[in-house]
Amino acid sequence: SEMCIRDRSFGVALSKIDASAEGNAFSRSVIYKPPPPKITTSETVPSVRVKIWINPDGNVSKVELLTTTGDPQINSMIISYMKRWKFNRINSNEVQWATLTVRFGG
């Protein structure tokens, strides 16, 4: 498979953002990462493990929480936050996936 090297250098490699990331989107670059949502609860929100599916155009098409916060409102905030991430586009029509850990606060 022919990969354009200059595409890959644009943005930050997913593996640099989270070394524990797994999946066939591991080599994709994050070109936009929104500021994390301000989550204010009585409990500290720990890191959350998510699985994301990334379209060839770089948009996140689906988000699944692998660890739940126990709070439906926070869960949906995390899902909408992850859906705003943008990745580099690829020349194949394959939807790729990755699991990664998202950390909030402290």
N, C-alpha and C. Protein backbone atom coordinates (compact mmCIF):
# COMPACT_ATOMS: atom_id res chain seq x y z
N SER A 1 0.84 -1.19 0.00
CA SER A 1 0.00 0.00 0.00
C SER A 1 0.88 1.24 0.00
N GLU A 2 0.55 2.17 -0.85
CA GLU A 2 1.37 3.36 -1.04
C GLU A 2 0.90 4.46 -0.09
N MET A 3 1.77 4.86 0.81
CA MET A 3 1.41 5.94 1.73
C MET A 3 2.21 7.18 1.37
N CYS A 4 1.54 8.30 1.38
CA CYS A 4 2.21 9.55 1.10
C CYS A 4 2.86 10.04 2.39
N ILE A 5 4.18 10.17 2.39
CA ILE A 5 4.90 10.46 3.62
C ILE A 5 4.57 11.85 4.14
N ARG A 6 4.38 12.82 3.25
CA ARG A 6 4.12 14.18 3.75
C ARG A 6 2.77 14.26 4.47
N ASP A 7 1.81 13.40 4.08
CA ASP A 7 0.53 13.37 4.79
C ASP A 7 0.73 12.95 6.24
N ARG A 8 1.64 12.01 6.44
CA ARG A 8 1.81 11.45 7.77
C ARG A 8 2.50 12.44 8.71
N SER A 9 3.30 13.33 8.17
CA SER A 9 4.02 14.27 9.03
C SER A 9 3.14 15.44 9.44
N PHE A 10 1.97 15.52 8.89
CA PHE A 10 1.05 16.61 9.20
C PHE A 10 0.24 16.22 10.42
N GLY A 11 0.37 16.98 11.51
CA GLY A 11 -0.35 16.63 12.72
C GLY A 11 0.52 15.81 13.65
N VAL A 12 -0.07 15.32 14.70
CA VAL A 12 0.66 14.56 15.71
C VAL A 12 0.23 13.11 15.63
N ALA A 13 1.18 12.21 15.59
CA ALA A 13 0.85 10.79 15.52
C ALA A 13 0.02 10.39 16.73
N LEU A 14 -1.01 9.60 16.49
CA LEU A 14 -1.86 9.11 17.56
C LEU A 14 -1.02 8.41 18.63
N SER A 15 0.00 7.69 18.19
CA SER A 15 0.86 6.96 19.12
C SER A 15 1.63 7.90 20.05
N LYS A 16 1.84 9.16 19.60
CA LYS A 16 2.52 10.14 20.46
C LYS A 16 1.56 10.70 21.51
N ILE A 17 0.29 10.82 21.14
CA ILE A 17 -0.71 11.35 22.08
C ILE A 17 -0.99 10.31 23.16
N ASP A 18 -1.08 9.06 22.74
CA ASP A 18 -1.34 7.99 23.70
C ASP A 18 -0.56 6.75 23.31
N ALA A 19 0.50 6.47 24.06
CA ALA A 19 1.36 5.33 23.74
C ALA A 19 0.62 4.00 23.89
N SER A 20 -0.49 4.01 24.63
CA SER A 20 -1.24 2.77 24.83
C SER A 20 -2.29 2.57 23.74
N ALA A 21 -2.35 3.49 22.78
CA ALA A 21 -3.33 3.36 21.70
C ALA A 21 -3.09 2.07 20.92
N GLU A 22 -4.18 1.45 20.50
CA GLU A 22 -4.10 0.23 19.72
C GLU A 22 -5.05 0.35 18.55
N GLY A 23 -4.92 -0.55 17.56
CA GLY A 23 -5.85 -0.56 16.44
C GLY A 23 -5.14 -0.26 15.14
N ASN A 24 -5.87 -0.42 14.02
CA ASN A 24 -5.22 -0.20 12.73
C ASN A 24 -5.14 1.28 12.37
N ALA A 25 -5.66 2.16 13.23
CA ALA A 25 -5.50 3.60 13.01
C ALA A 25 -4.32 4.14 13.81
N PHE A 26 -3.49 3.24 14.34
CA PHE A 26 -2.37 3.62 15.20
C PHE A 26 -1.43 4.61 14.51
N SER A 27 -1.29 4.50 13.20
CA SER A 27 -0.34 5.38 12.49
C SER A 27 -0.99 6.66 11.97
N ARG A 28 -2.28 6.83 12.21
CA ARG A 28 -2.96 8.06 11.77
C ARG A 28 -2.46 9.24 12.58
N SER A 29 -2.54 10.43 11.97
CA SER A 29 -2.14 11.64 12.67
C SER A 29 -3.37 12.42 13.10
N VAL A 30 -3.31 12.97 14.29
CA VAL A 30 -4.39 13.83 14.79
C VAL A 30 -4.09 15.25 14.32
N ILE A 31 -4.97 15.80 13.48
CA ILE A 31 -4.73 17.16 12.99
C ILE A 31 -5.57 18.19 13.75
N TYR A 32 -6.57 17.70 14.49
CA TYR A 32 -7.33 18.62 15.35
C TYR A 32 -7.79 17.86 16.58
N LYS A 33 -7.47 18.42 17.74
CA LYS A 33 -7.88 17.83 19.01
C LYS A 33 -8.49 18.95 19.83
N PRO A 34 -9.81 18.94 20.02
CA PRO A 34 -10.46 20.04 20.73
C PRO A 34 -10.02 20.05 22.20
N PRO A 35 -10.18 21.18 22.88
CA PRO A 35 -9.89 21.18 24.31
C PRO A 35 -10.85 20.23 25.02
N PRO A 36 -10.36 19.46 25.99
CA PRO A 36 -11.25 18.52 26.66
C PRO A 36 -12.36 19.23 27.40
N PRO A 37 -13.53 18.61 27.51
CA PRO A 37 -14.65 19.26 28.19
C PRO A 37 -14.32 19.48 29.66
N LYS A 38 -14.85 20.54 30.19
CA LYS A 38 -14.69 20.80 31.63
C LYS A 38 -15.73 19.95 32.35
N ILE A 39 -15.25 18.92 33.01
CA ILE A 39 -16.16 18.03 33.71
C ILE A 39 -16.11 18.36 35.19
N THR A 40 -17.23 18.83 35.71
CA THR A 40 -17.28 19.17 37.13
C THR A 40 -18.28 18.25 37.82
N THR A 41 -17.75 17.37 38.62
CA THR A 41 -18.60 16.50 39.42
C THR A 41 -17.97 16.40 40.79
N SER A 42 -18.71 15.80 41.70
CA SER A 42 -18.18 15.62 43.04
C SER A 42 -17.04 14.59 43.01
N GLU A 43 -17.09 13.72 42.02
CA GLU A 43 -16.05 12.70 41.92
C GLU A 43 -15.09 13.08 40.81
N THR A 44 -13.84 12.73 40.99
CA THR A 44 -12.88 12.99 39.93
C THR A 44 -13.10 11.96 38.83
N VAL A 45 -13.13 12.44 37.60
CA VAL A 45 -13.32 11.53 36.48
C VAL A 45 -11.95 10.95 36.14
N PRO A 46 -11.81 9.65 36.22
CA PRO A 46 -10.51 9.05 35.91
C PRO A 46 -10.28 9.04 34.42
N SER A 47 -9.24 8.39 34.02
CA SER A 47 -9.03 8.23 32.59
C SER A 47 -10.10 7.28 32.06
N VAL A 48 -10.50 7.49 30.83
CA VAL A 48 -11.55 6.69 30.21
C VAL A 48 -10.98 6.05 28.95
N ARG A 49 -11.23 4.76 28.79
CA ARG A 49 -10.76 4.05 27.61
C ARG A 49 -11.88 4.10 26.56
N VAL A 50 -11.54 4.56 25.37
CA VAL A 50 -12.55 4.66 24.32
C VAL A 50 -12.08 3.92 23.07
N LYS A 51 -13.04 3.51 22.28
CA LYS A 51 -12.75 2.96 20.95
C LYS A 51 -13.39 3.89 19.94
N ILE A 52 -12.60 4.31 18.96
CA ILE A 52 -13.13 5.20 17.94
C ILE A 52 -12.94 4.59 16.56
N TRP A 53 -13.86 4.91 15.67
CA TRP A 53 -13.76 4.49 14.28
C TRP A 53 -13.53 5.75 13.45
N ILE A 54 -12.54 5.70 12.56
CA ILE A 54 -12.13 6.88 11.80
C ILE A 54 -12.37 6.63 10.32
N ASN A 55 -13.16 7.52 9.71
CA ASN A 55 -13.41 7.43 8.27
C ASN A 55 -12.15 7.82 7.49
N PRO A 56 -12.09 7.43 6.21
CA PRO A 56 -10.94 7.82 5.38
C PRO A 56 -10.73 9.33 5.34
N ASP A 57 -11.81 10.12 5.45
CA ASP A 57 -11.66 11.59 5.38
C ASP A 57 -11.14 12.18 6.69
N GLY A 58 -10.96 11.34 7.71
CA GLY A 58 -10.38 11.81 8.95
C GLY A 58 -11.38 12.12 10.05
N ASN A 59 -12.68 12.00 9.73
CA ASN A 59 -13.70 12.24 10.75
C ASN A 59 -13.94 10.98 11.59
N VAL A 60 -14.26 11.18 12.85
CA VAL A 60 -14.60 10.07 13.73
C VAL A 60 -16.07 9.74 13.53
N SER A 61 -16.35 8.53 13.07
CA SER A 61 -17.72 8.17 12.75
C SER A 61 -18.45 7.55 13.92
N LYS A 62 -17.70 6.93 14.85
CA LYS A 62 -18.36 6.24 15.96
C LYS A 62 -17.43 6.23 17.16
N VAL A 63 -18.02 6.34 18.34
CA VAL A 63 -17.26 6.30 19.58
C VAL A 63 -17.94 5.32 20.53
N GLU A 64 -17.15 4.45 21.13
CA GLU A 64 -17.69 3.52 22.12
C GLU A 64 -16.84 3.65 23.38
N LEU A 65 -17.50 3.80 24.53
CA LEU A 65 -16.76 3.87 25.80
C LEU A 65 -16.48 2.44 26.26
N LEU A 66 -15.21 2.13 26.45
CA LEU A 66 -14.84 0.80 26.94
C LEU A 66 -14.85 0.78 28.46
N THR A 67 -14.61 1.94 29.07
CA THR A 67 -14.81 2.07 30.51
C THR A 67 -15.82 3.19 30.70
N THR A 68 -16.80 2.96 31.53
CA THR A 68 -17.84 3.97 31.71
C THR A 68 -17.56 4.76 32.98
N THR A 69 -17.99 5.98 32.98
CA THR A 69 -17.81 6.83 34.16
C THR A 69 -18.92 6.58 35.17
N GLY A 70 -19.96 5.89 34.76
CA GLY A 70 -21.10 5.69 35.64
C GLY A 70 -22.09 6.84 35.60
N ASP A 71 -21.75 7.87 34.83
CA ASP A 71 -22.61 9.05 34.73
C ASP A 71 -22.97 9.25 33.26
N PRO A 72 -24.25 9.03 32.89
CA PRO A 72 -24.64 9.12 31.47
C PRO A 72 -24.32 10.46 30.85
N GLN A 73 -24.44 11.54 31.62
CA GLN A 73 -24.19 12.87 31.08
C GLN A 73 -22.71 13.03 30.73
N ILE A 74 -21.83 12.58 31.63
CA ILE A 74 -20.39 12.65 31.36
C ILE A 74 -20.02 11.74 30.20
N ASN A 75 -20.64 10.55 30.16
CA ASN A 75 -20.38 9.64 29.05
C ASN A 75 -20.67 10.31 27.71
N SER A 76 -21.81 10.99 27.63
CA SER A 76 -22.17 11.62 26.35
C SER A 76 -21.26 12.82 26.05
N MET A 77 -20.77 13.51 27.09
CA MET A 77 -19.81 14.59 26.86
C MET A 77 -18.52 14.04 26.27
N ILE A 78 -18.07 12.90 26.77
CA ILE A 78 -16.84 12.29 26.27
C ILE A 78 -17.03 11.85 24.82
N ILE A 79 -18.19 11.26 24.52
CA ILE A 79 -18.45 10.80 23.16
C ILE A 79 -18.47 11.98 22.19
N SER A 80 -19.15 13.07 22.56
CA SER A 80 -19.20 14.20 21.63
C SER A 80 -17.82 14.87 21.51
N TYR A 81 -17.04 14.84 22.59
CA TYR A 81 -15.67 15.37 22.53
C TYR A 81 -14.83 14.56 21.54
N MET A 82 -14.89 13.24 21.63
CA MET A 82 -14.09 12.39 20.73
C MET A 82 -14.54 12.52 19.28
N LYS A 83 -15.83 12.78 19.08
CA LYS A 83 -16.34 12.90 17.70
C LYS A 83 -15.83 14.18 17.03
N ARG A 84 -15.29 15.12 17.81
CA ARG A 84 -14.78 16.36 17.23
C ARG A 84 -13.30 16.25 16.85
N TRP A 85 -12.66 15.15 17.21
CA TRP A 85 -11.27 14.95 16.79
C TRP A 85 -11.22 14.79 15.27
N LYS A 86 -10.14 15.27 14.67
CA LYS A 86 -9.95 15.12 13.23
C LYS A 86 -8.60 14.46 12.98
N PHE A 87 -8.60 13.53 12.04
CA PHE A 87 -7.38 12.82 11.69
C PHE A 87 -7.02 13.11 10.24
N ASN A 88 -5.77 12.77 9.88
CA ASN A 88 -5.37 12.96 8.48
C ASN A 88 -6.21 12.04 7.59
N ARG A 89 -6.42 12.49 6.36
CA ARG A 89 -7.19 11.66 5.43
C ARG A 89 -6.28 10.61 4.82
N ILE A 90 -6.86 9.47 4.44
CA ILE A 90 -6.09 8.41 3.81
C ILE A 90 -6.70 8.09 2.46
N ASN A 91 -5.91 7.43 1.62
CA ASN A 91 -6.34 7.17 0.25
C ASN A 91 -7.12 5.87 0.10
N SER A 92 -7.30 5.13 1.18
CA SER A 92 -8.09 3.91 1.05
C SER A 92 -9.51 4.21 1.53
N ASN A 93 -10.44 3.31 1.23
CA ASN A 93 -11.80 3.57 1.69
C ASN A 93 -12.11 2.75 2.93
N GLU A 94 -11.06 2.39 3.66
CA GLU A 94 -11.21 1.58 4.86
C GLU A 94 -11.52 2.46 6.07
N VAL A 95 -12.51 2.05 6.86
CA VAL A 95 -12.75 2.71 8.14
C VAL A 95 -11.81 2.06 9.15
N GLN A 96 -10.97 2.88 9.77
CA GLN A 96 -10.01 2.35 10.72
C GLN A 96 -10.49 2.58 12.14
N TRP A 97 -9.91 1.86 13.08
CA TRP A 97 -10.33 2.00 14.47
C TRP A 97 -9.11 2.10 15.37
N ALA A 98 -9.33 2.65 16.54
CA ALA A 98 -8.29 2.72 17.55
C ALA A 98 -8.93 2.72 18.93
N THR A 99 -8.22 2.14 19.88
CA THR A 99 -8.62 2.30 21.26
C THR A 99 -7.59 3.18 21.93
N LEU A 100 -8.03 4.13 22.73
CA LEU A 100 -7.10 5.00 23.41
C LEU A 100 -7.65 5.43 24.75
N THR A 101 -6.76 5.96 25.58
CA THR A 101 -7.13 6.40 26.90
C THR A 101 -7.23 7.92 26.90
N VAL A 102 -8.37 8.43 27.35
CA VAL A 102 -8.57 9.87 27.43
C VAL A 102 -8.52 10.24 28.90
N ARG A 103 -7.67 11.23 29.22
CA ARG A 103 -7.53 11.63 30.62
C ARG A 103 -8.17 12.99 30.85
N PHE A 104 -8.85 13.12 31.98
CA PHE A 104 -9.51 14.37 32.34
C PHE A 104 -8.98 14.85 33.68
N GLY A 105 -8.80 16.15 33.74
CA GLY A 105 -8.40 16.75 35.01
C GLY A 105 -7.06 16.25 35.52
N GLY A 106 -6.74 16.63 36.74
CA GLY A 106 -5.54 16.29 37.47
C GLY A 106 -4.53 15.52 36.77
